[in-house]
Amino acid sequence: MNSTFSPIKTTKTKALVINALFIALTLVSTMINIKLPIMGNGGLIHLGNVPLFIAALVYGKKTGAIAGAFGMASFDLLSGWAAWAPFTFIIVGAMGFLAGLISEKVPGKRELVYSLAVAVALIIKVVGYYFAEVILYGNWILPLGSILGNVMQVVLAGIIVVPLVGRLKKRAAQV
């Protein structure tokens, strides 16, 4: 029996656990939601973007993409929104990936970089879900009703996450 310590396996195990944790947190945070009573689909207000942004800004683009794509697409599959799952997988996965990429690569004051990452994610969400609704509903006007809900979700998550990310990154580095 080989009882030597392998840092590579620990690193892979740690990454697997972190990814699984953020998938679960994103799923659960999305399940607690309020359906907006506005035209068309109207969308949902939920806090699923909070763990998504924490994953992306603290652990990087890969974890952000995995948490967003699998966490929110799982919500769609489990909650009667199955037709949305492929769109969510791509849109929210892209949000997590690009937010993480911006966090990793863009120099400058960290709060501004994190705010830029959230703003880019907001654009991806609004544009992505607009076109997803156009495809699903075959209508160019009806999807306008979901924009406000998508903006509210991302802005609220940004207000919560951006001030905390610096501290969370320091804590994550200690673990």
C-alpha atoms as a PDB file:
ATOM      1  CA  MET A   1       0.000   0.000   0.000  1.00  0.00           C
ATOM      2  CA  ASN A   2       1.353   3.383  -0.984  1.00  0.00           C
ATOM      3  CA  SER A   3       0.709   5.901   1.789  1.00  0.00           C
ATOM      4  CA  THR A   4       2.570   8.858   0.317  1.00  0.00           C
ATOM      5  CA  PHE A   5       0.844  12.197   0.063  1.00  0.00           C
ATOM      6  CA  SER A   6       0.101  13.350  -3.477  1.00  0.00           C
ATOM      7  CA  PRO A   7      -0.530  17.097  -3.907  1.00  0.00           C
ATOM      8  CA  ILE A   8      -1.824  16.533  -7.453  1.00  0.00           C
ATOM      9  CA  LYS A   9      -4.639  14.279  -6.257  1.00  0.00           C
ATOM     10  CA  THR A  10      -5.441  16.681  -3.444  1.00  0.00           C
ATOM     11  CA  THR A  11      -5.594  19.572  -5.889  1.00  0.00           C
ATOM     12  CA  LYS A  12      -7.884  17.640  -8.229  1.00  0.00           C
ATOM     13  CA  THR A  13     -10.029  16.523  -5.330  1.00  0.00           C
ATOM     14  CA  LYS A  14     -10.234  20.050  -3.965  1.00  0.00           C
ATOM     15  CA  ALA A  15     -11.237  21.396  -7.401  1.00  0.00           C
ATOM     16  CA  LEU A  16     -13.890  18.684  -7.740  1.00  0.00           C
ATOM     17  CA  VAL A  17     -15.315  19.479  -4.309  1.00  0.00           C
ATOM     18  CA  ILE A  18     -15.330  23.235  -4.961  1.00  0.00           C
ATOM     19  CA  ASN A  19     -17.048  22.756  -8.332  1.00  0.00           C
ATOM     20  CA  ALA A  20     -19.658  20.426  -6.826  1.00  0.00           C
ATOM     21  CA  LEU A  21     -20.244  22.818  -3.926  1.00  0.00           C
ATOM     22  CA  PHE A  22     -20.849  25.783  -6.230  1.00  0.00           C
ATOM     23  CA  ILE A  23     -23.109  23.755  -8.526  1.00  0.00           C
ATOM     24  CA  ALA A  24     -25.202  22.853  -5.472  1.00  0.00           C
ATOM     25  CA  LEU A  25     -25.184  26.397  -4.087  1.00  0.00           C
ATOM     26  CA  THR A  26     -26.208  27.821  -7.462  1.00  0.00           C
ATOM     27  CA  LEU A  27     -28.991  25.256  -7.817  1.00  0.00           C
ATOM     28  CA  VAL A  28     -30.401  25.839  -4.333  1.00  0.00           C
ATOM     29  CA  SER A  29     -30.103  29.624  -4.607  1.00  0.00           C
ATOM     30  CA  THR A  30     -31.975  29.522  -7.902  1.00  0.00           C
ATOM     31  CA  MET A  31     -34.720  27.298  -6.476  1.00  0.00           C
ATOM     32  CA  ILE A  32     -35.677  30.026  -4.018  1.00  0.00           C
ATOM     33  CA  ASN A  33     -37.303  32.399  -6.491  1.00  0.00           C
ATOM     34  CA  ILE A  34     -40.157  34.740  -7.270  1.00  0.00           C
ATOM     35  CA  LYS A  35     -41.880  34.635 -10.665  1.00  0.00           C
ATOM     36  CA  LEU A  36     -42.419  38.109 -12.038  1.00  0.00           C
ATOM     37  CA  PRO A  37     -46.009  38.865 -13.090  1.00  0.00           C
ATOM     38  CA  ILE A  38     -45.163  40.767 -16.262  1.00  0.00           C
ATOM     39  CA  MET A  39     -45.827  40.139 -19.937  1.00  0.00           C
ATOM     40  CA  GLY A  40     -44.620  36.971 -21.556  1.00  0.00           C
ATOM     41  CA  ASN A  41     -42.421  34.711 -19.534  1.00  0.00           C
ATOM     42  CA  GLY A  42     -41.558  37.578 -17.207  1.00  0.00           C
ATOM     43  CA  GLY A  43     -38.686  35.631 -15.759  1.00  0.00           C
ATOM     44  CA  LEU A  44     -37.705  34.805 -12.235  1.00  0.00           C
ATOM     45  CA  ILE A  45     -35.951  36.743  -9.534  1.00  0.00           C
ATOM     46  CA  HIS A  46     -33.537  34.550  -7.594  1.00  0.00           C
ATOM     47  CA  LEU A  47     -30.137  34.676  -5.925  1.00  0.00           C
ATOM     48  CA  GLY A  48     -28.516  31.973  -8.071  1.00  0.00           C
ATOM     49  CA  ASN A  49     -26.148  34.532  -9.552  1.00  0.00           C
ATOM     50  CA  VAL A  50     -24.568  35.151  -6.137  1.00  0.00           C
ATOM     51  CA  PRO A  51     -22.786  31.771  -5.849  1.00  0.00           C
ATOM     52  CA  LEU A  52     -22.134  31.872  -9.596  1.00  0.00           C
ATOM     53  CA  PHE A  53     -20.240  35.173  -9.277  1.00  0.00           C
ATOM     54  CA  ILE A  54     -18.423  34.037  -6.137  1.00  0.00           C
ATOM     55  CA  ALA A  55     -17.304  30.894  -7.980  1.00  0.00           C
ATOM     56  CA  ALA A  56     -16.148  32.886 -11.017  1.00  0.00           C
ATOM     57  CA  LEU A  57     -14.472  35.788  -9.221  1.00  0.00           C
ATOM     58  CA  VAL A  58     -12.821  33.772  -6.444  1.00  0.00           C
ATOM     59  CA  TYR A  59     -12.005  30.450  -8.156  1.00  0.00           C
ATOM     60  CA  GLY A  60     -11.801  31.489 -11.809  1.00  0.00           C
ATOM     61  CA  LYS A  61     -13.369  30.996 -15.198  1.00  0.00           C
ATOM     62  CA  LYS A  62     -13.577  27.199 -15.149  1.00  0.00           C
ATOM     63  CA  THR A  63     -15.358  27.004 -11.790  1.00  0.00           C
ATOM     64  CA  GLY A  64     -17.601  29.924 -12.751  1.00  0.00           C
ATOM     65  CA  ALA A  65     -18.614  28.251 -16.003  1.00  0.00           C
ATOM     66  CA  ILE A  66     -19.231  24.887 -14.340  1.00  0.00           C
ATOM     67  CA  ALA A  67     -21.237  26.355 -11.445  1.00  0.00           C
ATOM     68  CA  GLY A  68     -23.379  28.488 -13.726  1.00  0.00           C
ATOM     69  CA  ALA A  69     -23.969  25.981 -16.500  1.00  0.00           C
ATOM     70  CA  PHE A  70     -24.675  22.930 -14.372  1.00  0.00           C
ATOM     71  CA  GLY A  71     -26.266  24.682 -11.376  1.00  0.00           C
ATOM     72  CA  MET A  72     -28.847  26.750 -13.233  1.00  0.00           C
ATOM     73  CA  ALA A  73     -29.494  24.210 -16.007  1.00  0.00           C
ATOM     74  CA  SER A  74     -30.177  21.639 -13.262  1.00  0.00           C
ATOM     75  CA  PHE A  75     -32.731  24.043 -11.805  1.00  0.00           C
ATOM     76  CA  ASP A  76     -34.436  24.242 -15.200  1.00  0.00           C
ATOM     77  CA  LEU A  77     -34.560  20.454 -15.487  1.00  0.00           C
ATOM     78  CA  LEU A  78     -35.869  19.944 -11.943  1.00  0.00           C
ATOM     79  CA  SER A  79     -38.396  22.783 -11.932  1.00  0.00           C
ATOM     80  CA  GLY A  80     -40.486  22.349 -15.058  1.00  0.00           C
ATOM     81  CA  TRP A  81     -38.422  24.692 -17.231  1.00  0.00           C
ATOM     82  CA  ALA A  82     -36.710  21.893 -19.189  1.00  0.00           C
ATOM     83  CA  ALA A  83     -37.050  23.700 -22.533  1.00  0.00           C
ATOM     84  CA  TRP A  84     -34.815  26.411 -21.087  1.00  0.00           C
ATOM     85  CA  ALA A  85     -32.038  24.072 -19.890  1.00  0.00           C
ATOM     86  CA  PRO A  86     -29.905  24.080 -23.067  1.00  0.00           C
ATOM     87  CA  PHE A  87     -30.113  27.868 -23.316  1.00  0.00           C
ATOM     88  CA  THR A  88     -29.349  28.293 -19.617  1.00  0.00           C
ATOM     89  CA  PHE A  89     -26.401  25.910 -19.851  1.00  0.00           C
ATOM     90  CA  ILE A  90     -24.817  28.021 -22.591  1.00  0.00           C
ATOM     91  CA  ILE A  91     -25.831  31.507 -21.393  1.00  0.00           C
ATOM     92  CA  VAL A  92     -25.056  31.123 -17.702  1.00  0.00           C
ATOM     93  CA  GLY A  93     -21.974  29.015 -18.416  1.00  0.00           C
ATOM     94  CA  ALA A  94     -20.710  31.873 -20.610  1.00  0.00           C
ATOM     95  CA  MET A  95     -21.531  34.372 -17.861  1.00  0.00           C
ATOM     96  CA  GLY A  96     -19.440  32.414 -15.349  1.00  0.00           C
ATOM     97  CA  PHE A  97     -16.595  31.846 -17.777  1.00  0.00           C
ATOM     98  CA  LEU A  98     -16.279  35.469 -18.902  1.00  0.00           C
ATOM     99  CA  ALA A  99     -16.722  36.886 -15.388  1.00  0.00           C
ATOM    100  CA  GLY A 100     -13.934  34.577 -14.200  1.00  0.00           C
ATOM    101  CA  LEU A 101     -11.746  35.378 -17.205  1.00  0.00           C
ATOM    102  CA  ILE A 102     -12.113  39.125 -16.626  1.00  0.00           C
ATOM    103  CA  SER A 103     -11.338  38.644 -12.935  1.00  0.00           C
ATOM    104  CA  GLU A 104      -8.193  36.667 -13.797  1.00  0.00           C
ATOM    105  CA  LYS A 105      -6.818  38.723 -16.680  1.00  0.00           C
ATOM    106  CA  VAL A 106      -7.881  42.361 -16.422  1.00  0.00           C
ATOM    107  CA  PRO A 107      -5.484  44.546 -14.426  1.00  0.00           C
ATOM    108  CA  GLY A 108      -6.601  47.405 -12.257  1.00  0.00           C
ATOM    109  CA  LYS A 109      -8.413  48.173  -9.053  1.00  0.00           C
ATOM    110  CA  ARG A 110     -10.096  44.916  -8.088  1.00  0.00           C
ATOM    111  CA  GLU A 111     -13.534  46.347  -7.252  1.00  0.00           C
ATOM    112  CA  LEU A 112     -13.692  47.967 -10.682  1.00  0.00           C
ATOM    113  CA  VAL A 113     -12.570  44.750 -12.361  1.00  0.00           C
ATOM    114  CA  TYR A 114     -15.217  42.753 -10.477  1.00  0.00           C
ATOM    115  CA  SER A 115     -17.837  45.344 -11.422  1.00  0.00           C
ATOM    116  CA  LEU A 116     -16.763  45.068 -15.075  1.00  0.00           C
ATOM    117  CA  ALA A 117     -17.070  41.272 -14.844  1.00  0.00           C
ATOM    118  CA  VAL A 118     -20.617  41.586 -13.470  1.00  0.00           C
ATOM    119  CA  ALA A 119     -21.521  44.139 -16.178  1.00  0.00           C
ATOM    120  CA  VAL A 120     -20.298  41.790 -18.924  1.00  0.00           C
ATOM    121  CA  ALA A 121     -22.288  38.940 -17.333  1.00  0.00           C
ATOM    122  CA  LEU A 122     -25.344  41.205 -17.302  1.00  0.00           C
ATOM    123  CA  ILE A 123     -25.021  41.876 -21.037  1.00  0.00           C
ATOM    124  CA  ILE A 124     -24.618  38.160 -21.755  1.00  0.00           C
ATOM    125  CA  LYS A 125     -27.692  37.326 -19.656  1.00  0.00           C
ATOM    126  CA  VAL A 126     -29.957  39.987 -21.160  1.00  0.00           C
ATOM    127  CA  VAL A 127     -28.943  39.355 -24.777  1.00  0.00           C
ATOM    128  CA  GLY A 128     -28.757  35.575 -24.378  1.00  0.00           C
ATOM    129  CA  TYR A 129     -32.163  35.170 -22.770  1.00  0.00           C
ATOM    130  CA  TYR A 130     -33.748  37.663 -25.146  1.00  0.00           C
ATOM    131  CA  PHE A 131     -32.733  35.523 -28.122  1.00  0.00           C
ATOM    132  CA  ALA A 132     -33.599  32.304 -26.271  1.00  0.00           C
ATOM    133  CA  GLU A 133     -37.130  33.639 -25.805  1.00  0.00           C
ATOM    134  CA  VAL A 134     -37.310  34.721 -29.447  1.00  0.00           C
ATOM    135  CA  ILE A 135     -36.448  31.129 -30.408  1.00  0.00           C
ATOM    136  CA  LEU A 136     -38.846  29.550 -27.895  1.00  0.00           C
ATOM    137  CA  TYR A 137     -41.788  31.917 -28.441  1.00  0.00           C
ATOM    138  CA  GLY A 138     -41.245  32.969 -32.059  1.00  0.00           C
ATOM    139  CA  ASN A 139     -41.866  36.593 -31.124  1.00  0.00           C
ATOM    140  CA  TRP A 140     -39.518  39.598 -31.037  1.00  0.00           C
ATOM    141  CA  ILE A 141     -41.657  41.756 -28.681  1.00  0.00           C
ATOM    142  CA  LEU A 142     -42.689  39.326 -25.935  1.00  0.00           C
ATOM    143  CA  PRO A 143     -39.111  38.747 -24.679  1.00  0.00           C
ATOM    144  CA  LEU A 144     -38.784  42.433 -23.782  1.00  0.00           C
ATOM    145  CA  GLY A 145     -40.832  41.643 -20.666  1.00  0.00           C
ATOM    146  CA  SER A 146     -38.026  39.505 -19.216  1.00  0.00           C
ATOM    147  CA  ILE A 147     -35.273  42.090 -19.452  1.00  0.00           C
ATOM    148  CA  LEU A 148     -36.143  43.857 -16.194  1.00  0.00           C
ATOM    149  CA  GLY A 149     -36.070  40.599 -14.213  1.00  0.00           C
ATOM    150  CA  ASN A 150     -32.722  39.604 -15.704  1.00  0.00           C
ATOM    151  CA  VAL A 151     -31.246  43.016 -14.935  1.00  0.00           C
ATOM    152  CA  MET A 152     -32.568  42.909 -11.359  1.00  0.00           C
ATOM    153  CA  GLN A 153     -31.062  39.453 -10.759  1.00  0.00           C
ATOM    154  CA  VAL A 154     -27.584  40.350 -11.925  1.00  0.00           C
ATOM    155  CA  VAL A 155     -27.470  43.825 -10.365  1.00  0.00           C
ATOM    156  CA  LEU A 156     -28.624  42.469  -7.001  1.00  0.00           C
ATOM    157  CA  ALA A 157     -26.021  39.696  -7.156  1.00  0.00           C
ATOM    158  CA  GLY A 158     -23.332  42.227  -8.082  1.00  0.00           C
ATOM    159  CA  ILE A 159     -24.292  44.472  -5.160  1.00  0.00           C
ATOM    160  CA  ILE A 160     -23.941  41.494  -2.821  1.00  0.00           C
ATOM    161  CA  VAL A 161     -20.801  39.898  -4.288  1.00  0.00           C
ATOM    162  CA  VAL A 162     -18.479  42.710  -5.438  1.00  0.00           C
ATOM    163  CA  PRO A 163     -17.808  44.106  -1.939  1.00  0.00           C
ATOM    164  CA  LEU A 164     -17.181  40.592  -0.556  1.00  0.00           C
ATOM    165  CA  VAL A 165     -14.961  39.020  -3.200  1.00  0.00           C
ATOM    166  CA  GLY A 166     -11.662  40.430  -1.938  1.00  0.00           C
ATOM    167  CA  ARG A 167     -12.225  38.992   1.526  1.00  0.00           C
ATOM    168  CA  LEU A 168     -13.483  35.690   0.136  1.00  0.00           C
ATOM    169  CA  LYS A 169     -10.374  35.356  -2.061  1.00  0.00           C
ATOM    170  CA  LYS A 170      -8.121  35.880   0.962  1.00  0.00           C
ATOM    171  CA  ARG A 171     -10.039  33.206   2.907  1.00  0.00           C
ATOM    172  CA  ALA A 172      -9.937  30.779  -0.023  1.00  0.00           C
ATOM    173  CA  ALA A 173      -6.161  31.205  -0.308  1.00  0.00           C
ATOM    174  CA  GLN A 174      -5.771  30.278   3.372  1.00  0.00           C
ATOM    175  CA  VAL A 175      -7.676  27.013   3.025  1.00  0.00           C
END
